[in-house]
Amino acid sequence: MYEVKYQSAAAAELGALRAFDRVRVLDAIEKNLRLAPMAVTGKKKLLELGDGESIRQLRVGDYRVFYDVDEEQSLVIVRHVRRKGTRTTGEIL
């Protein structure tokens, strides 16, 4: 089982969501990222950002959760929670 930590930007973005959407996103994070964050199936996807950089994405309705995984420490780091179509690659890093 993985521990989930939130960067300050992700925490702020979660706080700005409507309560219904926030609960839905947090439930998806708990169900999908605590147990198998490395799986790249279903609603999870690995995004190549260029220069050898990549980030994982979890789709939750109209929202996207962008995260990294540290397998050695069994840690998931949530970087951003964004509405679909509102991000650019440069903002994710």
PDB file of N, CA and C in Angstrom:
ATOM      1  N   MET A   1       0.838  -1.178   0.000  1.00  0.00           N
ATOM      2  CA  MET A   1       0.000   0.000   0.000  1.00  0.00           C
ATOM      3  C   MET A   1       0.884   1.244   0.000  1.00  0.00           C
ATOM      4  N   TYR A   2       0.514   2.222  -0.791  1.00  0.00           N
ATOM      5  CA  TYR A   2       1.292   3.446  -0.951  1.00  0.00           C
ATOM      6  C   TYR A   2       0.731   4.571  -0.085  1.00  0.00           C
ATOM      7  N   GLU A   3       1.624   5.424   0.394  1.00  0.00           N
ATOM      8  CA  GLU A   3       1.220   6.648   1.077  1.00  0.00           C
ATOM      9  C   GLU A   3       1.004   7.709   0.010  1.00  0.00           C
ATOM     10  N   VAL A   4       0.007   8.563   0.185  1.00  0.00           N
ATOM     11  CA  VAL A   4      -0.269   9.638  -0.772  1.00  0.00           C
ATOM     12  C   VAL A   4       0.023  10.971  -0.101  1.00  0.00           C
ATOM     13  N   LYS A   5       0.871  11.775  -0.752  1.00  0.00           N
ATOM     14  CA  LYS A   5       1.173  13.133  -0.280  1.00  0.00           C
ATOM     15  C   LYS A   5       0.767  14.108  -1.379  1.00  0.00           C
ATOM     16  N   TYR A   6       0.377  15.284  -0.961  1.00  0.00           N
ATOM     17  CA  TYR A   6      -0.085  16.316  -1.889  1.00  0.00           C
ATOM     18  C   TYR A   6       0.862  17.500  -1.860  1.00  0.00           C
ATOM     19  N   GLN A   7       1.309  17.938  -3.041  1.00  0.00           N
ATOM     20  CA  GLN A   7       2.074  19.176  -3.101  1.00  0.00           C
ATOM     21  C   GLN A   7       1.120  20.320  -2.789  1.00  0.00           C
ATOM     22  N   SER A   8       1.655  21.458  -2.386  1.00  0.00           N
ATOM     23  CA  SER A   8       0.805  22.585  -1.990  1.00  0.00           C
ATOM     24  C   SER A   8      -0.122  23.030  -3.126  1.00  0.00           C
ATOM     25  N   ALA A   9       0.357  22.978  -4.363  1.00  0.00           N
ATOM     26  CA  ALA A   9      -0.487  23.373  -5.495  1.00  0.00           C
ATOM     27  C   ALA A   9      -1.689  22.436  -5.617  1.00  0.00           C
ATOM     28  N   ALA A  10      -1.463  21.148  -5.452  1.00  0.00           N
ATOM     29  CA  ALA A  10      -2.553  20.172  -5.550  1.00  0.00           C
ATOM     30  C   ALA A  10      -3.554  20.369  -4.418  1.00  0.00           C
ATOM     31  N   ALA A  11      -3.057  20.628  -3.222  1.00  0.00           N
ATOM     32  CA  ALA A  11      -3.948  20.851  -2.083  1.00  0.00           C
ATOM     33  C   ALA A  11      -4.818  22.090  -2.318  1.00  0.00           C
ATOM     34  N   ALA A  12      -4.224  23.152  -2.853  1.00  0.00           N
ATOM     35  CA  ALA A  12      -4.972  24.373  -3.144  1.00  0.00           C
ATOM     36  C   ALA A  12      -6.012  24.122  -4.240  1.00  0.00           C
ATOM     37  N   GLU A  13      -5.624  23.369  -5.259  1.00  0.00           N
ATOM     38  CA  GLU A  13      -6.559  23.072  -6.349  1.00  0.00           C
ATOM     39  C   GLU A  13      -7.719  22.212  -5.852  1.00  0.00           C
ATOM     40  N   LEU A  14      -7.432  21.260  -4.984  1.00  0.00           N
ATOM     41  CA  LEU A  14      -8.503  20.457  -4.388  1.00  0.00           C
ATOM     42  C   LEU A  14      -9.430  21.327  -3.550  1.00  0.00           C
ATOM     43  N   GLY A  15      -8.863  22.233  -2.783  1.00  0.00           N
ATOM     44  CA  GLY A  15      -9.660  23.116  -1.940  1.00  0.00           C
ATOM     45  C   GLY A  15     -10.572  24.036  -2.721  1.00  0.00           C
ATOM     46  N   ALA A  16     -10.209  24.336  -3.963  1.00  0.00           N
ATOM     47  CA  ALA A  16     -11.008  25.228  -4.797  1.00  0.00           C
ATOM     48  C   ALA A  16     -12.171  24.507  -5.490  1.00  0.00           C
ATOM     49  N   LEU A  17     -12.179  23.175  -5.453  1.00  0.00           N
ATOM     50  CA  LEU A  17     -13.251  22.418  -6.108  1.00  0.00           C
ATOM     51  C   LEU A  17     -14.537  22.474  -5.298  1.00  0.00           C
ATOM     52  N   ARG A  18     -15.662  22.285  -6.002  1.00  0.00           N
ATOM     53  CA  ARG A  18     -16.928  22.131  -5.293  1.00  0.00           C
ATOM     54  C   ARG A  18     -16.823  20.887  -4.422  1.00  0.00           C
ATOM     55  N   ALA A  19     -17.525  20.870  -3.306  1.00  0.00           N
ATOM     56  CA  ALA A  19     -17.431  19.764  -2.349  1.00  0.00           C
ATOM     57  C   ALA A  19     -17.710  18.419  -3.019  1.00  0.00           C
ATOM     58  N   PHE A  20     -18.724  18.353  -3.861  1.00  0.00           N
ATOM     59  CA  PHE A  20     -19.069  17.104  -4.541  1.00  0.00           C
ATOM     60  C   PHE A  20     -17.906  16.604  -5.392  1.00  0.00           C
ATOM     61  N   ASP A  21     -17.300  17.507  -6.171  1.00  0.00           N
ATOM     62  CA  ASP A  21     -16.178  17.131  -7.034  1.00  0.00           C
ATOM     63  C   ASP A  21     -14.954  16.748  -6.214  1.00  0.00           C
ATOM     64  N   ARG A  22     -14.706  17.484  -5.131  1.00  0.00           N
ATOM     65  CA  ARG A  22     -13.558  17.196  -4.275  1.00  0.00           C
ATOM     66  C   ARG A  22     -13.665  15.787  -3.683  1.00  0.00           C
ATOM     67  N   VAL A  23     -14.844  15.431  -3.184  1.00  0.00           N
ATOM     68  CA  VAL A  23     -15.046  14.096  -2.615  1.00  0.00           C
ATOM     69  C   VAL A  23     -14.845  13.029  -3.675  1.00  0.00           C
ATOM     70  N   ARG A  24     -15.344  13.268  -4.858  1.00  0.00           N
ATOM     71  CA  ARG A  24     -15.202  12.313  -5.961  1.00  0.00           C
ATOM     72  C   ARG A  24     -13.742  12.100  -6.332  1.00  0.00           C
ATOM     73  N   VAL A  25     -12.973  13.187  -6.419  1.00  0.00           N
ATOM     74  CA  VAL A  25     -11.556  13.099  -6.768  1.00  0.00           C
ATOM     75  C   VAL A  25     -10.781  12.392  -5.651  1.00  0.00           C
ATOM     76  N   LEU A  26     -11.029  12.766  -4.404  1.00  0.00           N
ATOM     77  CA  LEU A  26     -10.327  12.137  -3.287  1.00  0.00           C
ATOM     78  C   LEU A  26     -10.651  10.646  -3.181  1.00  0.00           C
ATOM     79  N   ASP A  27     -11.891  10.281  -3.435  1.00  0.00           N
ATOM     80  CA  ASP A  27     -12.260   8.852  -3.438  1.00  0.00           C
ATOM     81  C   ASP A  27     -11.505   8.095  -4.523  1.00  0.00           C
ATOM     82  N   ALA A  28     -11.389   8.690  -5.695  1.00  0.00           N
ATOM     83  CA  ALA A  28     -10.671   8.048  -6.803  1.00  0.00           C
ATOM     84  C   ALA A  28      -9.191   7.896  -6.470  1.00  0.00           C
ATOM     85  N   ILE A  29      -8.617   8.896  -5.827  1.00  0.00           N
ATOM     86  CA  ILE A  29      -7.215   8.813  -5.427  1.00  0.00           C
ATOM     87  C   ILE A  29      -7.031   7.664  -4.446  1.00  0.00           C
ATOM     88  N   GLU A  30      -7.895   7.577  -3.456  1.00  0.00           N
ATOM     89  CA  GLU A  30      -7.818   6.499  -2.468  1.00  0.00           C
ATOM     90  C   GLU A  30      -7.958   5.128  -3.117  1.00  0.00           C
ATOM     91  N   LYS A  31      -8.935   4.965  -3.976  1.00  0.00           N
ATOM     92  CA  LYS A  31      -9.217   3.657  -4.581  1.00  0.00           C
ATOM     93  C   LYS A  31      -8.176   3.241  -5.611  1.00  0.00           C
ATOM     94  N   ASN A  32      -7.639   4.188  -6.348  1.00  0.00           N
ATOM     95  CA  ASN A  32      -6.758   3.863  -7.467  1.00  0.00           C
ATOM     96  C   ASN A  32      -5.268   4.004  -7.174  1.00  0.00           C
ATOM     97  N   LEU A  33      -4.892   5.001  -6.400  1.00  0.00           N
ATOM     98  CA  LEU A  33      -3.469   5.285  -6.248  1.00  0.00           C
ATOM     99  C   LEU A  33      -2.833   4.661  -5.016  1.00  0.00           C
ATOM    100  N   ARG A  34      -3.590   4.386  -4.003  1.00  0.00           N
ATOM    101  CA  ARG A  34      -3.007   3.762  -2.801  1.00  0.00           C
ATOM    102  C   ARG A  34      -2.587   2.322  -3.063  1.00  0.00           C
ATOM    103  N   LEU A  35      -3.325   1.609  -3.897  1.00  0.00           N
ATOM    104  CA  LEU A  35      -3.045   0.192  -4.110  1.00  0.00           C
ATOM    105  C   LEU A  35      -2.159  -0.087  -5.319  1.00  0.00           C
ATOM    106  N   ALA A  36      -2.423   0.562  -6.446  1.00  0.00           N
ATOM    107  CA  ALA A  36      -1.674   0.245  -7.674  1.00  0.00           C
ATOM    108  C   ALA A  36      -1.420   1.496  -8.502  1.00  0.00           C
ATOM    109  N   PRO A  37      -0.590   2.417  -8.009  1.00  0.00           N
ATOM    110  CA  PRO A  37      -0.370   3.660  -8.752  1.00  0.00           C
ATOM    111  C   PRO A  37       0.422   3.489 -10.043  1.00  0.00           C
ATOM    112  N   MET A  38       1.133   2.390 -10.185  1.00  0.00           N
ATOM    113  CA  MET A  38       1.954   2.193 -11.376  1.00  0.00           C
ATOM    114  C   MET A  38       1.173   1.608 -12.545  1.00  0.00           C
ATOM    115  N   ALA A  39      -0.005   1.090 -12.288  1.00  0.00           N
ATOM    116  CA  ALA A  39      -0.804   0.505 -13.360  1.00  0.00           C
ATOM    117  C   ALA A  39      -1.139   1.584 -14.387  1.00  0.00           C
ATOM    118  N   VAL A  40      -0.970   1.266 -15.641  1.00  0.00           N
ATOM    119  CA  VAL A  40      -1.260   2.211 -16.714  1.00  0.00           C
ATOM    120  C   VAL A  40      -2.410   1.636 -17.530  1.00  0.00           C
ATOM    121  N   THR A  41      -3.479   1.324 -16.842  1.00  0.00           N
ATOM    122  CA  THR A  41      -4.650   0.748 -17.495  1.00  0.00           C
ATOM    123  C   THR A  41      -5.885   1.546 -17.107  1.00  0.00           C
ATOM    124  N   GLY A  42      -6.937   1.344 -17.848  1.00  0.00           N
ATOM    125  CA  GLY A  42      -8.205   2.000 -17.517  1.00  0.00           C
ATOM    126  C   GLY A  42      -8.079   3.504 -17.528  1.00  0.00           C
ATOM    127  N   LYS A  43      -8.329   4.121 -16.398  1.00  0.00           N
ATOM    128  CA  LYS A  43      -8.357   5.573 -16.301  1.00  0.00           C
ATOM    129  C   LYS A  43      -7.008   6.172 -15.939  1.00  0.00           C
ATOM    130  N   LYS A  44      -5.975   5.345 -15.821  1.00  0.00           N
ATOM    131  CA  LYS A  44      -4.635   5.838 -15.510  1.00  0.00           C
ATOM    132  C   LYS A  44      -3.798   5.850 -16.782  1.00  0.00           C
ATOM    133  N   LYS A  45      -2.906   6.821 -16.891  1.00  0.00           N
ATOM    134  CA  LYS A  45      -2.147   6.962 -18.118  1.00  0.00           C
ATOM    135  C   LYS A  45      -0.789   7.591 -17.808  1.00  0.00           C
ATOM    136  N   LEU A  46       0.234   7.178 -18.545  1.00  0.00           N
ATOM    137  CA  LEU A  46       1.564   7.759 -18.414  1.00  0.00           C
ATOM    138  C   LEU A  46       1.740   8.785 -19.528  1.00  0.00           C
ATOM    139  N   LEU A  47       2.055  10.017 -19.163  1.00  0.00           N
ATOM    140  CA  LEU A  47       2.239  11.088 -20.138  1.00  0.00           C
ATOM    141  C   LEU A  47       3.714  11.405 -20.282  1.00  0.00           C
ATOM    142  N   GLU A  48       4.205  11.393 -21.490  1.00  0.00           N
ATOM    143  CA  GLU A  48       5.588  11.775 -21.784  1.00  0.00           C
ATOM    144  C   GLU A  48       5.627  13.287 -21.973  1.00  0.00           C
ATOM    145  N   LEU A  49       6.476  13.960 -21.202  1.00  0.00           N
ATOM    146  CA  LEU A  49       6.559  15.413 -21.260  1.00  0.00           C
ATOM    147  C   LEU A  49       7.749  15.906 -22.071  1.00  0.00           C
ATOM    148  N   GLY A  50       8.602  15.004 -22.505  1.00  0.00           N
ATOM    149  CA  GLY A  50       9.798  15.387 -23.253  1.00  0.00           C
ATOM    150  C   GLY A  50      11.017  15.420 -22.352  1.00  0.00           C
ATOM    151  N   ASP A  51      12.194  15.412 -22.958  1.00  0.00           N
ATOM    152  CA  ASP A  51      13.462  15.423 -22.230  1.00  0.00           C
ATOM    153  C   ASP A  51      13.539  14.305 -21.193  1.00  0.00           C
ATOM    154  N   GLY A  52      12.902  13.170 -21.482  1.00  0.00           N
ATOM    155  CA  GLY A  52      12.942  12.029 -20.579  1.00  0.00           C
ATOM    156  C   GLY A  52      12.031  12.154 -19.366  1.00  0.00           C
ATOM    157  N   GLU A  53      11.294  13.242 -19.276  1.00  0.00           N
ATOM    158  CA  GLU A  53      10.380  13.467 -18.145  1.00  0.00           C
ATOM    159  C   GLU A  53       9.017  12.855 -18.463  1.00  0.00           C
ATOM    160  N   SER A  54       8.391  12.333 -17.448  1.00  0.00           N
ATOM    161  CA  SER A  54       7.030  11.832 -17.608  1.00  0.00           C
ATOM    162  C   SER A  54       6.280  12.035 -16.297  1.00  0.00           C
ATOM    163  N   ILE A  55       4.982  11.993 -16.400  1.00  0.00           N
ATOM    164  CA  ILE A  55       4.117  12.127 -15.236  1.00  0.00           C
ATOM    165  C   ILE A  55       2.912  11.236 -15.465  1.00  0.00           C
ATOM    166  N   ARG A  56       2.348  10.753 -14.406  1.00  0.00           N
ATOM    167  CA  ARG A  56       1.176   9.892 -14.517  1.00  0.00           C
ATOM    168  C   ARG A  56      -0.084  10.726 -14.354  1.00  0.00           C
ATOM    169  N   GLN A  57      -1.152  10.243 -14.980  1.00  0.00           N
ATOM    170  CA  GLN A  57      -2.422  10.953 -14.948  1.00  0.00           C
ATOM    171  C   GLN A  57      -3.535   9.980 -14.595  1.00  0.00           C
ATOM    172  N   LEU A  58      -4.407  10.396 -13.708  1.00  0.00           N
ATOM    173  CA  LEU A  58      -5.605   9.647 -13.364  1.00  0.00           C
ATOM    174  C   LEU A  58      -6.795  10.495 -13.777  1.00  0.00           C
ATOM    175  N   ARG A  59      -7.671   9.938 -14.604  1.00  0.00           N
ATOM    176  CA  ARG A  59      -8.875  10.662 -15.022  1.00  0.00           C
ATOM    177  C   ARG A  59      -9.991  10.398 -14.026  1.00  0.00           C
ATOM    178  N   VAL A  60     -10.634  11.479 -13.605  1.00  0.00           N
ATOM    179  CA  VAL A  60     -11.786  11.386 -12.707  1.00  0.00           C
ATOM    180  C   VAL A  60     -12.852  12.324 -13.262  1.00  0.00           C
ATOM    181  N   GLY A  61     -13.726  11.805 -14.099  1.00  0.00           N
ATOM    182  CA  GLY A  61     -14.736  12.650 -14.744  1.00  0.00           C
ATOM    183  C   GLY A  61     -14.069  13.726 -15.571  1.00  0.00           C
ATOM    184  N   ASP A  62     -14.406  14.983 -15.283  1.00  0.00           N
ATOM    185  CA  ASP A  62     -13.821  16.118 -16.000  1.00  0.00           C
ATOM    186  C   ASP A  62     -12.497  16.575 -15.405  1.00  0.00           C
ATOM    187  N   TYR A  63     -12.014  15.875 -14.394  1.00  0.00           N
ATOM    188  CA  TYR A  63     -10.780  16.271 -13.716  1.00  0.00           C
ATOM    189  C   TYR A  63      -9.644  15.302 -14.003  1.00  0.00           C
ATOM    190  N   ARG A  64      -8.424  15.830 -13.902  1.00  0.00           N
ATOM    191  CA  ARG A  64      -7.225  15.023 -14.089  1.00  0.00           C
ATOM    192  C   ARG A  64      -6.334  15.215 -12.870  1.00  0.00           C
ATOM    193  N   VAL A  65      -5.863  14.090 -12.342  1.00  0.00           N
ATOM    194  CA  VAL A  65      -4.940  14.104 -11.212  1.00  0.00           C
ATOM    195  C   VAL A  65      -3.569  13.748 -11.779  1.00  0.00           C
ATOM    196  N   PHE A  66      -2.606  14.642 -11.644  1.00  0.00           N
ATOM    197  CA  PHE A  66      -1.254  14.422 -12.140  1.00  0.00           C
ATOM    198  C   PHE A  66      -0.374  14.061 -10.949  1.00  0.00           C
ATOM    199  N   TYR A  67       0.356  12.949 -11.069  1.00  0.00           N
ATOM    200  CA  TYR A  67       1.107  12.446  -9.923  1.00  0.00           C
ATOM    201  C   TYR A  67       2.373  11.718 -10.344  1.00  0.00           C
ATOM    202  N   ASP A  68       3.290  11.582  -9.383  1.00  0.00           N
ATOM    203  CA  ASP A  68       4.519  10.813  -9.535  1.00  0.00           C
ATOM    204  C   ASP A  68       4.495   9.685  -8.514  1.00  0.00           C
ATOM    205  N   VAL A  69       5.298   8.648  -8.775  1.00  0.00           N
ATOM    206  CA  VAL A  69       5.381   7.517  -7.856  1.00  0.00           C
ATOM    207  C   VAL A  69       6.843   7.283  -7.495  1.00  0.00           C
ATOM    208  N   ASP A  70       7.101   7.165  -6.200  1.00  0.00           N
ATOM    209  CA  ASP A  70       8.408   6.777  -5.694  1.00  0.00           C
ATOM    210  C   ASP A  70       8.246   5.362  -5.144  1.00  0.00           C
ATOM    211  N   GLU A  71       8.627   4.378  -5.957  1.00  0.00           N
ATOM    212  CA  GLU A  71       8.429   2.976  -5.576  1.00  0.00           C
ATOM    213  C   GLU A  71       9.265   2.572  -4.365  1.00  0.00           C
ATOM    214  N   GLU A  72      10.466   3.110  -4.250  1.00  0.00           N
ATOM    215  CA  GLU A  72      11.343   2.750  -3.139  1.00  0.00           C
ATOM    216  C   GLU A  72      10.731   3.125  -1.793  1.00  0.00           C
ATOM    217  N   GLN A  73      10.042   4.260  -1.754  1.00  0.00           N
ATOM    218  CA  GLN A  73       9.439   4.727  -0.503  1.00  0.00           C
ATOM    219  C   GLN A  73       7.945   4.423  -0.422  1.00  0.00           C
ATOM    220  N   SER A  74       7.412   3.729  -1.435  1.00  0.00           N
ATOM    221  CA  SER A  74       5.967   3.436  -1.499  1.00  0.00           C
ATOM    222  C   SER A  74       5.166   4.724  -1.314  1.00  0.00           C
ATOM    223  N   LEU A  75       5.485   5.716  -2.163  1.00  0.00           N
ATOM    224  CA  LEU A  75       4.917   7.051  -2.024  1.00  0.00           C
ATOM    225  C   LEU A  75       4.355   7.536  -3.356  1.00  0.00           C
ATOM    226  N   VAL A  76       3.159   8.106  -3.300  1.00  0.00           N
ATOM    227  CA  VAL A  76       2.548   8.768  -4.446  1.00  0.00           C
ATOM    228  C   VAL A  76       2.525  10.253  -4.131  1.00  0.00           C
ATOM    229  N   ILE A  77       3.020  11.070  -5.054  1.00  0.00           N
ATOM    230  CA  ILE A  77       3.048  12.517  -4.869  1.00  0.00           C
ATOM    231  C   ILE A  77       2.094  13.134  -5.879  1.00  0.00           C
ATOM    232  N   VAL A  78       1.001  13.688  -5.384  1.00  0.00           N
ATOM    233  CA  VAL A  78       0.020  14.339  -6.250  1.00  0.00           C
ATOM    234  C   VAL A  78       0.498  15.759  -6.498  1.00  0.00           C
ATOM    235  N   ARG A  79       0.748  16.080  -7.769  1.00  0.00           N
ATOM    236  CA  ARG A  79       1.263  17.409  -8.126  1.00  0.00           C
ATOM    237  C   ARG A  79       0.159  18.412  -8.412  1.00  0.00           C
ATOM    238  N   HIS A  80      -0.852  17.970  -9.180  1.00  0.00           N
ATOM    239  CA  HIS A  80      -1.932  18.881  -9.578  1.00  0.00           C
ATOM    240  C   HIS A  80      -3.238  18.134  -9.718  1.00  0.00           C
ATOM    241  N   VAL A  81      -4.321  18.857  -9.523  1.00  0.00           N
ATOM    242  CA  VAL A  81      -5.668  18.375  -9.812  1.00  0.00           C
ATOM    243  C   VAL A  81      -6.298  19.459 -10.668  1.00  0.00           C
ATOM    244  N   ARG A  82      -6.518  19.148 -11.932  1.00  0.00           N
ATOM    245  CA  ARG A  82      -6.988  20.158 -12.884  1.00  0.00           C
ATOM    246  C   ARG A  82      -8.221  19.685 -13.644  1.00  0.00           C
ATOM    247  N   ARG A  83      -9.030  20.633 -14.028  1.00  0.00           N
ATOM    248  CA  ARG A  83     -10.159  20.335 -14.899  1.00  0.00           C
ATOM    249  C   ARG A  83      -9.611  20.017 -16.285  1.00  0.00           C
ATOM    250  N   LYS A  84     -10.194  19.081 -16.953  1.00  0.00           N
ATOM    251  CA  LYS A  84      -9.752  18.658 -18.286  1.00  0.00           C
ATOM    252  C   LYS A  84      -9.581  19.875 -19.198  1.00  0.00           C
ATOM    253  N   GLY A  85      -8.427  19.920 -19.861  1.00  0.00           N
ATOM    254  CA  GLY A  85      -8.188  20.982 -20.846  1.00  0.00           C
ATOM    255  C   GLY A  85      -7.675  22.291 -20.272  1.00  0.00           C
ATOM    256  N   THR A  86      -7.370  22.358 -18.969  1.00  0.00           N
ATOM    257  CA  THR A  86      -6.930  23.634 -18.388  1.00  0.00           C
ATOM    258  C   THR A  86      -5.459  23.657 -18.023  1.00  0.00           C
ATOM    259  N   ARG A  87      -4.672  22.739 -18.519  1.00  0.00           N
ATOM    260  CA  ARG A  87      -3.263  22.691 -18.160  1.00  0.00           C
ATOM    261  C   ARG A  87      -2.387  22.768 -19.394  1.00  0.00           C
ATOM    262  N   THR A  88      -1.150  23.163 -19.159  1.00  0.00           N
ATOM    263  CA  THR A  88      -0.129  23.041 -20.193  1.00  0.00           C
ATOM    264  C   THR A  88       0.999  22.214 -19.618  1.00  0.00           C
ATOM    265  N   THR A  89       1.795  21.610 -20.469  1.00  0.00           N
ATOM    266  CA  THR A  89       2.884  20.754 -20.023  1.00  0.00           C
ATOM    267  C   THR A  89       3.809  21.488 -19.077  1.00  0.00           C
ATOM    268  N   GLY A  90       4.159  22.708 -19.368  1.00  0.00           N
ATOM    269  CA  GLY A  90       5.078  23.465 -18.535  1.00  0.00           C
ATOM    270  C   GLY A  90       4.553  23.699 -17.122  1.00  0.00           C
ATOM    271  N   GLU A  91       3.249  23.789 -16.955  1.00  0.00           N
ATOM    272  CA  GLU A  91       2.668  24.019 -15.639  1.00  0.00           C
ATOM    273  C   GLU A  91       2.729  22.781 -14.767  1.00  0.00           C
ATOM    274  N   ILE A  92       2.807  21.600 -15.349  1.00  0.00           N
ATOM    275  CA  ILE A  92       2.782  20.374 -14.578  1.00  0.00           C
ATOM    276  C   ILE A  92       4.123  20.130 -13.891  1.00  0.00           C
ATOM    277  N   LEU A  93       5.204  20.460 -14.538  1.00  0.00           N
ATOM    278  CA  LEU A  93       6.516  20.264 -13.935  1.00  0.00           C
ATOM    279  C   LEU A  93       6.744  21.351 -12.957  1.00  0.00           C
TER     280      LEU A  93
END
